[in-house]
C-alpha atoms as a PDB file:
ATOM      1  CA  MET A   1      -9.995  24.953 -41.627  1.00  0.00           C
ATOM      2  CA  LEU A   2      -7.488  23.373 -43.992  1.00  0.00           C
ATOM      3  CA  TYR A   3      -4.414  21.679 -42.631  1.00  0.00           C
ATOM      4  CA  GLN A   4      -1.202  20.672 -44.237  1.00  0.00           C
ATOM      5  CA  GLN A   5      -1.273  17.047 -45.235  1.00  0.00           C
ATOM      6  CA  GLU A   6       2.048  16.404 -43.431  1.00  0.00           C
ATOM      7  CA  LYS A   7       0.634  17.837 -40.246  1.00  0.00           C
ATOM      8  CA  VAL A   8      -2.490  15.764 -40.491  1.00  0.00           C
ATOM      9  CA  GLU A   9      -0.482  12.662 -40.976  1.00  0.00           C
ATOM     10  CA  ARG A  10       1.772  13.398 -37.989  1.00  0.00           C
ATOM     11  CA  ALA A  11      -1.314  14.169 -35.825  1.00  0.00           C
ATOM     12  CA  PHE A  12      -2.921  10.914 -36.822  1.00  0.00           C
ATOM     13  CA  GLU A  13       0.339   9.016 -36.003  1.00  0.00           C
ATOM     14  CA  MET A  14       0.195  10.537 -32.547  1.00  0.00           C
ATOM     15  CA  TYR A  15      -3.435   9.624 -32.177  1.00  0.00           C
ATOM     16  CA  SER A  16      -2.654   6.081 -33.311  1.00  0.00           C
ATOM     17  CA  GLU A  17       0.028   5.765 -30.658  1.00  0.00           C
ATOM     18  CA  LEU A  18      -2.353   7.031 -28.027  1.00  0.00           C
ATOM     19  CA  ALA A  19      -4.950   4.538 -29.171  1.00  0.00           C
ATOM     20  CA  MET A  20      -2.519   1.623 -28.919  1.00  0.00           C
ATOM     21  CA  GLU A  21      -0.402   2.604 -25.930  1.00  0.00           C
ATOM     22  CA  GLY A  22      -2.604   5.014 -23.940  1.00  0.00           C
ATOM     23  CA  ARG A  23       0.183   7.521 -23.763  1.00  0.00           C
ATOM     24  CA  VAL A  24       2.738   9.353 -25.914  1.00  0.00           C
ATOM     25  CA  THR A  25       6.123  10.905 -24.997  1.00  0.00           C
ATOM     26  CA  GLY A  26       8.919  12.644 -26.912  1.00  0.00           C
ATOM     27  CA  GLU A  27       8.831  14.919 -29.950  1.00  0.00           C
ATOM     28  CA  ALA A  28       5.159  14.482 -30.524  1.00  0.00           C
ATOM     29  CA  VAL A  29       4.369  15.869 -27.089  1.00  0.00           C
ATOM     30  CA  ARG A  30       6.554  18.914 -27.724  1.00  0.00           C
ATOM     31  CA  LEU A  31       4.594  19.597 -30.897  1.00  0.00           C
ATOM     32  CA  PHE A  32       1.318  18.997 -29.081  1.00  0.00           C
ATOM     33  CA  LYS A  33       2.292  21.742 -26.642  1.00  0.00           C
ATOM     34  CA  ILE A  34       3.613  24.389 -28.997  1.00  0.00           C
ATOM     35  CA  ASP A  35       1.601  23.882 -32.253  1.00  0.00           C
ATOM     36  CA  THR A  36      -2.121  24.775 -31.816  1.00  0.00           C
ATOM     37  CA  ASP A  37      -3.118  23.316 -35.147  1.00  0.00           C
ATOM     38  CA  PHE A  38      -1.312  20.015 -34.406  1.00  0.00           C
ATOM     39  CA  ARG A  39      -2.999  19.922 -31.039  1.00  0.00           C
ATOM     40  CA  ALA A  40      -6.393  20.684 -32.478  1.00  0.00           C
ATOM     41  CA  LEU A  41      -6.026  17.793 -34.949  1.00  0.00           C
ATOM     42  CA  VAL A  42      -5.024  15.231 -32.276  1.00  0.00           C
ATOM     43  CA  GLU A  43      -7.900  16.325 -30.059  1.00  0.00           C
ATOM     44  CA  MET A  44     -10.254  16.030 -33.036  1.00  0.00           C
ATOM     45  CA  PHE A  45      -9.227  12.470 -33.697  1.00  0.00           C
ATOM     46  CA  CYS A  46      -9.643  11.658 -29.977  1.00  0.00           C
ATOM     47  CA  LYS A  47     -13.094  13.350 -29.942  1.00  0.00           C
ATOM     48  CA  LYS A  48     -14.280  11.123 -32.813  1.00  0.00           C
ATOM     49  CA  VAL A  49     -13.915   8.074 -30.480  1.00  0.00           C
ATOM     50  CA  GLN A  50     -15.323   9.957 -27.469  1.00  0.00           C
ATOM     51  CA  ALA A  51     -12.026  10.273 -25.709  1.00  0.00           C
ATOM     52  CA  ILE A  52      -9.842  13.117 -24.531  1.00  0.00           C
ATOM     53  CA  CYS A  53      -6.079  13.680 -24.382  1.00  0.00           C
ATOM     54  CA  ILE A  54      -4.545  15.274 -21.351  1.00  0.00           C
ATOM     55  CA  GLU A  55      -1.065  16.580 -20.590  1.00  0.00           C
ATOM     56  CA  VAL A  56       0.656  15.074 -17.534  1.00  0.00           C
ATOM     57  CA  GLY A  57       4.192  16.349 -17.186  1.00  0.00           C
ATOM     58  CA  ASP A  58       6.114  15.221 -20.327  1.00  0.00           C
ATOM     59  CA  GLU A  59       3.384  12.809 -21.451  1.00  0.00           C
ATOM     60  CA  VAL A  60       0.026  13.064 -23.219  1.00  0.00           C
ATOM     61  CA  LEU A  61      -2.452  10.452 -22.110  1.00  0.00           C
ATOM     62  CA  LEU A  62      -5.693   9.225 -23.683  1.00  0.00           C
ATOM     63  CA  VAL A  63      -8.776   8.894 -21.418  1.00  0.00           C
ATOM     64  CA  PRO A  64     -12.213   7.789 -22.529  1.00  0.00           C
ATOM     65  CA  GLU A  65     -14.824  10.451 -22.022  1.00  0.00           C
ATOM     66  CA  THR A  66     -18.062   8.415 -22.115  1.00  0.00           C
ATOM     67  CA  ARG A  67     -19.087   4.803 -21.833  1.00  0.00           C
ATOM     68  CA  LEU A  68     -19.586   4.713 -25.619  1.00  0.00           C
ATOM     69  CA  SER A  69     -15.900   5.149 -26.193  1.00  0.00           C
ATOM     70  CA  PRO A  70     -14.229   2.019 -27.456  1.00  0.00           C
ATOM     71  CA  PHE A  71     -11.494   2.674 -24.829  1.00  0.00           C
ATOM     72  CA  HIS A  72     -14.025   2.492 -21.935  1.00  0.00           C
ATOM     73  CA  VAL A  73     -13.626  -0.553 -19.828  1.00  0.00           C
ATOM     74  CA  THR A  74     -16.966  -2.353 -19.183  1.00  0.00           C
ATOM     75  CA  ASN A  75     -18.279  -3.159 -15.842  1.00  0.00           C
ATOM     76  CA  GLU A  76     -18.199  -6.879 -16.659  1.00  0.00           C
ATOM     77  CA  ALA A  77     -14.473  -6.674 -17.460  1.00  0.00           C
ATOM     78  CA  LEU A  78     -13.777  -4.846 -14.162  1.00  0.00           C
ATOM     79  CA  LYS A  79     -15.721  -7.401 -12.078  1.00  0.00           C
ATOM     80  CA  ARG A  80     -13.748 -10.265 -13.713  1.00  0.00           C
ATOM     81  CA  GLU A  81     -10.449  -8.504 -13.094  1.00  0.00           C
ATOM     82  CA  TYR A  82     -10.892  -7.376  -9.536  1.00  0.00           C
ATOM     83  CA  PHE A  83     -13.611  -9.676  -8.044  1.00  0.00           C
ATOM     84  CA  LYS A  84     -13.145 -12.838 -10.127  1.00  0.00           C
ATOM     85  CA  THR A  85     -16.133 -15.106 -10.496  1.00  0.00           C
ATOM     86  CA  LYS A  86     -17.672 -13.937  -7.247  1.00  0.00           C
ATOM     87  CA  GLY A  87     -17.997 -10.327  -8.411  1.00  0.00           C
ATOM     88  CA  ARG A  88     -21.466  -8.705  -8.337  1.00  0.00           C
ATOM     89  CA  ASN A  89     -22.741  -5.242  -9.242  1.00  0.00           C
ATOM     90  CA  GLU A  90     -22.740  -4.143  -5.714  1.00  0.00           C
ATOM     91  CA  ASP A  91     -19.008  -4.902  -5.407  1.00  0.00           C
ATOM     92  CA  LEU A  92     -18.269  -2.660  -8.420  1.00  0.00           C
ATOM     93  CA  TYR A  93     -20.548   0.143  -7.322  1.00  0.00           C
ATOM     94  CA  LEU A  94     -19.069   0.119  -3.848  1.00  0.00           C
ATOM     95  CA  MET A  95     -15.634   0.392  -5.422  1.00  0.00           C
ATOM     96  CA  TYR A  96     -16.787   3.426  -7.330  1.00  0.00           C
ATOM     97  CA  PHE A  97     -18.276   4.872  -4.206  1.00  0.00           C
ATOM     98  CA  ALA A  98     -15.048   4.274  -2.299  1.00  0.00           C
ATOM     99  CA  THR A  99     -13.165   6.065  -5.123  1.00  0.00           C
ATOM    100  CA  ILE A 100     -15.458   9.125  -4.847  1.00  0.00           C
ATOM    101  CA  CYS A 101     -14.966   9.153  -1.077  1.00  0.00           C
ATOM    102  CA  VAL A 102     -11.171   8.957  -1.219  1.00  0.00           C
ATOM    103  CA  ILE A 103     -11.024  11.799  -3.799  1.00  0.00           C
ATOM    104  CA  GLY A 104     -13.442  13.820  -1.737  1.00  0.00           C
ATOM    105  CA  GLU A 105     -11.006  13.581   1.216  1.00  0.00           C
ATOM    106  CA  PHE A 106      -8.148  14.995  -0.867  1.00  0.00           C
ATOM    107  CA  TYR A 107     -10.237  17.858  -2.247  1.00  0.00           C
ATOM    108  CA  ASN A 108     -12.228  19.058   0.704  1.00  0.00           C
ATOM    109  CA  ALA A 109     -15.562  18.162  -0.843  1.00  0.00           C
ATOM    110  CA  PHE A 110     -14.511  19.495  -4.304  1.00  0.00           C
ATOM    111  CA  HIS A 111     -14.470  23.062  -3.324  1.00  0.00           C
ATOM    112  CA  SER A 112     -10.921  23.448  -4.803  1.00  0.00           C
ATOM    113  CA  ILE A 113      -9.303  22.307  -7.955  1.00  0.00           C
ATOM    114  CA  HIS A 114      -6.072  21.608  -5.931  1.00  0.00           C
ATOM    115  CA  PRO A 115      -5.614  18.850  -3.248  1.00  0.00           C
ATOM    116  CA  THR A 116      -5.831  20.115   0.314  1.00  0.00           C
ATOM    117  CA  ARG A 117      -3.998  17.150   1.829  1.00  0.00           C
ATOM    118  CA  PRO A 118      -0.888  15.246   0.791  1.00  0.00           C
ATOM    119  CA  PHE A 119      -1.923  11.701   1.552  1.00  0.00           C
ATOM    120  CA  ILE A 120      -4.548   9.534   3.306  1.00  0.00           C
ATOM    121  CA  THR A 121      -4.407   6.466   5.372  1.00  0.00           C
ATOM    122  CA  ILE A 122      -6.555   3.434   4.846  1.00  0.00           C
ATOM    123  CA  GLU A 123      -8.068   4.037   8.274  1.00  0.00           C
ATOM    124  CA  GLU A 124      -9.036   7.528   7.337  1.00  0.00           C
ATOM    125  CA  TRP A 125     -10.422   6.266   4.103  1.00  0.00           C
ATOM    126  CA  ILE A 126     -12.665   3.840   5.945  1.00  0.00           C
ATOM    127  CA  GLN A 127     -13.859   6.688   8.191  1.00  0.00           C
ATOM    128  CA  ALA A 128     -14.653   8.808   5.142  1.00  0.00           C
ATOM    129  CA  ILE A 129     -16.759   6.061   3.757  1.00  0.00           C
ATOM    130  CA  ASP A 130     -18.504   5.734   6.997  1.00  0.00           C
ATOM    131  CA  ARG A 131     -19.316   9.430   7.087  1.00  0.00           C
ATOM    132  CA  ARG A 132     -20.767   9.361   3.569  1.00  0.00           C
ATOM    133  CA  MET A 133     -22.838   6.238   4.416  1.00  0.00           C
ATOM    134  CA  ALA A 134     -24.119   8.178   7.440  1.00  0.00           C
ATOM    135  CA  THR A 135     -25.083  10.993   5.139  1.00  0.00           C
ATOM    136  CA  LEU A 136     -27.192   8.623   3.034  1.00  0.00           C
ATOM    137  CA  ARG A 137     -28.922   7.319   6.095  1.00  0.00           C
ATOM    138  CA  GLU A 138     -30.063  10.896   6.970  1.00  0.00           C
ATOM    139  CA  TYR A 139     -32.501  10.729   3.940  1.00  0.00           C
ATOM    140  CA  ASP A 140     -35.837   9.228   4.607  1.00  0.00           C
ATOM    141  CA  GLU A 141     -36.841   6.113   2.707  1.00  0.00           C
ATOM    142  CA  GLU A 142     -38.924   7.867   0.017  1.00  0.00           C
ATOM    143  CA  THR A 143     -36.319  10.563  -0.637  1.00  0.00           C
ATOM    144  CA  LEU A 144     -33.619   7.957  -1.023  1.00  0.00           C
ATOM    145  CA  LYS A 145     -35.631   5.942  -3.501  1.00  0.00           C
ATOM    146  CA  GLU A 146     -36.175   9.224  -5.508  1.00  0.00           C
ATOM    147  CA  LYS A 147     -32.378   9.832  -5.434  1.00  0.00           C
ATOM    148  CA  GLU A 148     -31.852   6.278  -6.719  1.00  0.00           C
ATOM    149  CA  LYS A 149     -33.968   7.000  -9.750  1.00  0.00           C
ATOM    150  CA  GLN A 150     -32.456  10.462 -10.241  1.00  0.00           C
ATOM    151  CA  TYR A 151     -28.826   9.270 -10.246  1.00  0.00           C
ATOM    152  CA  SER A 152     -29.225   5.661 -11.437  1.00  0.00           C
ATOM    153  CA  TYR A 153     -27.328   4.634  -8.377  1.00  0.00           C
ATOM    154  CA  ARG A 154     -28.707   1.965  -5.889  1.00  0.00           C
ATOM    155  CA  TRP A 155     -27.895   3.820  -2.618  1.00  0.00           C
ATOM    156  CA  HIS A 156     -29.724   1.134  -0.536  1.00  0.00           C
ATOM    157  CA  MET A 157     -27.556  -1.578  -2.123  1.00  0.00           C
ATOM    158  CA  LEU A 158     -24.369   0.313  -1.097  1.00  0.00           C
ATOM    159  CA  LEU A 159     -25.493   0.661   2.454  1.00  0.00           C
ATOM    160  CA  GLU A 160     -26.335  -3.033   2.734  1.00  0.00           C
ATOM    161  CA  LYS A 161     -22.958  -4.019   1.084  1.00  0.00           C
ATOM    162  CA  TRP A 162     -20.923  -1.791   3.420  1.00  0.00           C
ATOM    163  CA  ASP A 163     -22.809  -2.857   6.499  1.00  0.00           C
ATOM    164  CA  GLY A 164     -22.428  -6.476   5.524  1.00  0.00           C
ATOM    165  CA  LEU A 165     -18.643  -6.120   5.679  1.00  0.00           C
ATOM    166  CA  ASP A 166     -18.893  -5.318   9.365  1.00  0.00           C
ATOM    167  CA  ASP A 167     -22.119  -7.124  10.422  1.00  0.00           C
ATOM    168  CA  VAL A 168     -20.824  -9.196  13.281  1.00  0.00           C
ATOM    169  CA  LYS A 169     -21.725  -8.308  16.923  1.00  0.00           C
ATOM    170  CA  GLU A 170     -20.602 -11.192  18.897  1.00  0.00           C
ATOM    171  CA  THR A 171     -16.940 -11.422  20.093  1.00  0.00           C
ATOM    172  CA  ALA A 172     -14.347  -8.785  19.786  1.00  0.00           C
ATOM    173  CA  LYS A 173     -12.133 -11.237  17.890  1.00  0.00           C
ATOM    174  CA  ARG A 174     -14.918 -11.839  15.368  1.00  0.00           C
ATOM    175  CA  GLN A 175     -15.472  -8.114  15.069  1.00  0.00           C
ATOM    176  CA  SER A 176     -11.792  -7.524  14.451  1.00  0.00           C
ATOM    177  CA  ALA A 177     -11.590 -10.093  11.718  1.00  0.00           C
ATOM    178  CA  ASN A 178     -14.759  -8.716  10.067  1.00  0.00           C
ATOM    179  CA  THR A 179     -13.427  -5.143  10.168  1.00  0.00           C
ATOM    180  CA  MET A 180     -10.426  -6.358   8.179  1.00  0.00           C
ATOM    181  CA  SER A 181     -12.793  -7.323   5.427  1.00  0.00           C
ATOM    182  CA  ARG A 182     -13.375  -3.616   4.825  1.00  0.00           C
ATOM    183  CA  VAL A 183      -9.649  -3.184   4.684  1.00  0.00           C
ATOM    184  CA  SER A 184      -9.401  -6.098   2.211  1.00  0.00           C
ATOM    185  CA  PHE A 185     -12.101  -4.450   0.053  1.00  0.00           C
ATOM    186  CA  LEU A 186     -10.201  -1.179  -0.027  1.00  0.00           C
ATOM    187  CA  HIS A 187      -6.997  -3.015  -0.923  1.00  0.00           C
ATOM    188  CA  THR A 188      -8.866  -4.340  -3.994  1.00  0.00           C
ATOM    189  CA  THR A 189     -10.103  -0.853  -4.706  1.00  0.00           C
ATOM    190  CA  CYS A 190      -6.457   0.366  -4.340  1.00  0.00           C
ATOM    191  CA  ARG A 191      -5.342  -2.146  -6.859  1.00  0.00           C
ATOM    192  CA  PHE A 192      -7.967  -0.842  -9.322  1.00  0.00           C
ATOM    193  CA  LEU A 193      -6.844   2.815  -8.609  1.00  0.00           C
ATOM    194  CA  ARG A 194      -3.142   1.929  -8.979  1.00  0.00           C
ATOM    195  CA  ASP A 195      -3.699   0.117 -12.212  1.00  0.00           C
ATOM    196  CA  GLU A 196      -5.610   3.208 -13.502  1.00  0.00           C
ATOM    197  CA  GLU A 197      -2.699   5.398 -12.176  1.00  0.00           C
ATOM    198  CA  ILE A 198      -4.963   7.285  -9.800  1.00  0.00           C
ATOM    199  CA  LEU A 199      -3.354   6.479  -6.548  1.00  0.00           C
ATOM    200  CA  ILE A 200       0.112   5.474  -5.420  1.00  0.00           C
ATOM    201  CA  GLU A 201       1.052   3.854  -2.186  1.00  0.00           C
ATOM    202  CA  THR A 202       3.845   5.859  -0.582  1.00  0.00           C
ATOM    203  CA  GLY A 203       3.923   4.113   2.790  1.00  0.00           C
ATOM    204  CA  ILE A 204       2.304   1.241   4.507  1.00  0.00           C
ATOM    205  CA  GLY A 205      -1.352   2.015   4.256  1.00  0.00           C
ATOM    206  CA  GLU A 206      -0.690   5.518   3.043  1.00  0.00           C
ATOM    207  CA  PHE A 207      -1.797   6.723  -0.407  1.00  0.00           C
ATOM    208  CA  GLU A 208      -1.267   9.806  -2.604  1.00  0.00           C
ATOM    209  CA  LEU A 209      -2.950  11.016  -5.717  1.00  0.00           C
ATOM    210  CA  THR A 210      -0.878  10.765  -8.918  1.00  0.00           C
ATOM    211  CA  GLU A 211      -0.340  13.725 -11.241  1.00  0.00           C
ATOM    212  CA  LYS A 212      -2.587  12.062 -13.745  1.00  0.00           C
ATOM    213  CA  ALA A 213      -5.361  12.009 -11.181  1.00  0.00           C
ATOM    214  CA  LYS A 214      -4.865  15.664 -10.231  1.00  0.00           C
ATOM    215  CA  VAL A 215      -5.221  16.718 -13.922  1.00  0.00           C
ATOM    216  CA  ILE A 216      -8.317  14.614 -14.548  1.00  0.00           C
ATOM    217  CA  ILE A 217     -10.003  15.676 -11.274  1.00  0.00           C
ATOM    218  CA  GLY A 218      -9.100  19.369 -11.703  1.00  0.00           C
ATOM    219  CA  ASN A 219     -10.409  19.590 -15.235  1.00  0.00           C
ATOM    220  CA  TYR A 220     -13.303  17.126 -15.499  1.00  0.00           C
ATOM    221  CA  PHE A 221     -14.221  15.081 -12.444  1.00  0.00           C
ATOM    222  CA  MET A 222     -15.742  17.996 -10.498  1.00  0.00           C
ATOM    223  CA  ASP A 223     -17.932  19.069 -13.410  1.00  0.00           C
ATOM    224  CA  SER A 224     -21.525  17.991 -12.892  1.00  0.00           C
ATOM    225  CA  GLU A 225     -21.612  17.193 -16.666  1.00  0.00           C
ATOM    226  CA  TYR A 226     -19.257  14.357 -15.873  1.00  0.00           C
ATOM    227  CA  ASN A 227     -20.187  13.327 -12.436  1.00  0.00           C
ATOM    228  CA  ARG A 228     -24.024  13.669 -13.016  1.00  0.00           C
ATOM    229  CA  GLY A 229     -24.463  15.687  -9.863  1.00  0.00           C
ATOM    230  CA  ILE A 230     -23.557  12.665  -7.658  1.00  0.00           C
ATOM    231  CA  ILE A 231     -20.769  14.605  -5.912  1.00  0.00           C
ATOM    232  CA  ALA A 232     -22.980  17.453  -4.889  1.00  0.00           C
ATOM    233  CA  PHE A 233     -25.606  14.966  -3.579  1.00  0.00           C
ATOM    234  CA  LEU A 234     -23.108  12.958  -1.522  1.00  0.00           C
ATOM    235  CA  TYR A 235     -21.366  16.014  -0.102  1.00  0.00           C
ATOM    236  CA  SER A 236     -24.422  18.224   0.412  1.00  0.00           C
ATOM    237  CA  MET A 237     -24.140  17.759   4.151  1.00  0.00           C
ATOM    238  CA  LYS A 238     -20.407  17.523   4.442  1.00  0.00           C
ATOM    239  CA  GLU A 239     -19.677  20.935   6.083  1.00  0.00           C
ATOM    240  CA  GLU A 240     -21.974  20.176   9.065  1.00  0.00           C
ATOM    241  CA  ASP A 241     -20.773  16.642   9.109  1.00  0.00           C
ATOM    242  CA  ASP A 242     -17.157  17.554   9.263  1.00  0.00           C
ATOM    243  CA  ALA A 243     -17.756  20.229  11.865  1.00  0.00           C
ATOM    244  CA  ASP A 244     -19.344  17.618  14.053  1.00  0.00           C
ATOM    245  CA  HIS A 245     -16.495  15.214  13.334  1.00  0.00           C
ATOM    246  CA  TYR A 246     -13.702  17.593  14.360  1.00  0.00           C
END
């Protein structure tokens, strides 16, 4: 399809702003919403760098679609930013795991594209992670090893890391202090999710999803093409688990 040169130039200007700022507001967004050719051009430019543009209210945001996108943040950069020099792979993957768990609590195991609860407390978040860890423990050793190969995710490592944050069995005082280490870890995860505009803190220890998060989750995150089937694996036993829990 042939496009007018002026429209191509304006679309590239919008893409350039998205690439530099990560978001666009104003007249360009209005055109993006009403002019299908303009929108197609902007989306094409984004696709060339393996990114997508999404509408969130009166803004359009740029989101990397794959690890190959130049806008994707590397694991090494995330470890330096959130765990400093002590950061290891297990810290980062537990942070990803905690993110999946908190989103799962909002979306009732991803059976709906709309959130089913308004907020979550940090205590409920910890309990959600505990339940998913318990799900992992229900698999026998060989099955879990196969699942590690299938999903390229070291489930054993996550279990050990999470247990290590609460691996004190002496005095009640020591146990309480160690339990706080889990809270501290989730505070680090919260900082990551706030920086990425996924969660907002609306009260002391209470968190809500942002509109950006709702758009991304509803349109992409639940699709197995994007989550590689990890969601279905982690939540395959959720219904029975939740029934027992409540």
